[in-house]
Amino acid sequence: MSYDPVPQRLSDAERDTAAQMLREHYEAGRLDAGEFEERLSAALSARIAADFQPLFADLPAPHP
């Protein structure tokens, strides 16, 4: 019998890091203000690392 690992919850610091990376993409012009606000809100309410994936899927590095 195999068990899938339980996703680990994110820390405030990890959410803050993701928010900073989104700010860098916004400042570089990769996101408009609406996209940035939407993704920032989602990043700050993320619970597990997988929640970040759709927020950065279409952006180059840096990624959390």
Protein backbone atom coordinates (compact mmCIF):
# COMPACT_ATOMS: atom_id res chain seq x y z
CA MET A 1 0.00 0.00 0.00
CA SER A 2 1.39 3.41 -0.91
CA TYR A 3 0.51 6.75 0.56
CA ASP A 4 0.61 10.07 -1.21
CA PRO A 5 2.53 12.67 0.74
CA VAL A 6 0.40 15.22 2.51
CA PRO A 7 0.95 18.72 1.09
CA GLN A 8 2.74 20.94 3.58
CA ARG A 9 1.18 24.25 4.50
CA LEU A 10 2.91 27.48 3.50
CA SER A 11 4.39 29.93 5.96
CA ASP A 12 3.79 33.67 5.97
CA ALA A 13 7.37 34.13 4.76
CA GLU A 14 6.76 31.87 1.75
CA ARG A 15 3.62 33.81 0.83
CA ASP A 16 5.55 37.09 1.21
CA THR A 17 8.29 35.77 -1.09
CA ALA A 18 5.74 34.85 -3.74
CA ALA A 19 4.17 38.31 -3.41
CA GLN A 20 7.58 39.94 -3.93
CA MET A 21 8.19 37.82 -7.04
CA LEU A 22 4.82 38.89 -8.44
CA ARG A 23 5.77 42.53 -7.76
CA GLU A 24 8.96 42.01 -9.79
CA HIS A 25 6.92 40.64 -12.71
CA TYR A 26 4.49 43.56 -12.44
CA GLU A 27 7.35 46.08 -12.37
CA ALA A 28 8.87 44.38 -15.44
CA GLY A 29 5.58 44.88 -17.29
CA ARG A 30 4.60 41.22 -17.49
CA LEU A 31 1.39 41.77 -15.55
CA ASP A 32 -1.07 44.62 -15.75
CA ALA A 33 -2.49 46.13 -12.57
CA GLY A 34 -5.61 43.95 -12.57
CA GLU A 35 -3.67 40.72 -13.12
CA PHE A 36 -1.18 41.69 -10.44
CA GLU A 37 -3.90 42.41 -7.86
CA GLU A 38 -5.71 39.16 -8.64
CA ARG A 39 -2.55 37.06 -8.43
CA LEU A 40 -1.30 38.88 -5.35
CA SER A 41 -4.55 38.20 -3.53
CA ALA A 42 -4.36 34.51 -4.48
CA ALA A 43 -0.71 34.29 -3.39
CA LEU A 44 -1.42 35.83 -0.02
CA SER A 45 -4.28 33.40 0.61
CA ALA A 46 -2.44 30.31 -0.70
CA ARG A 47 -2.35 27.39 1.69
CA ILE A 48 0.00 24.92 -0.03
CA ALA A 49 2.82 25.32 -2.56
CA ALA A 50 0.70 23.89 -5.38
CA ASP A 51 -1.54 26.95 -5.02
CA PHE A 52 1.32 29.04 -6.46
CA GLN A 53 1.64 27.02 -9.68
CA PRO A 54 -1.17 28.66 -11.67
CA LEU A 55 -0.03 32.11 -10.53
CA PHE A 56 3.40 31.68 -12.12
CA ALA A 57 2.71 29.17 -14.93
CA ASP A 58 2.95 31.78 -17.70
CA LEU A 59 5.78 33.80 -16.17
CA PRO A 60 9.54 33.32 -16.45
CA ALA A 61 11.68 32.91 -13.32
CA PRO A 62 11.71 33.92 -10.53
CA HIS A 63 9.14 31.48 -9.17
CA PRO A 64 8.59 30.47 -5.57
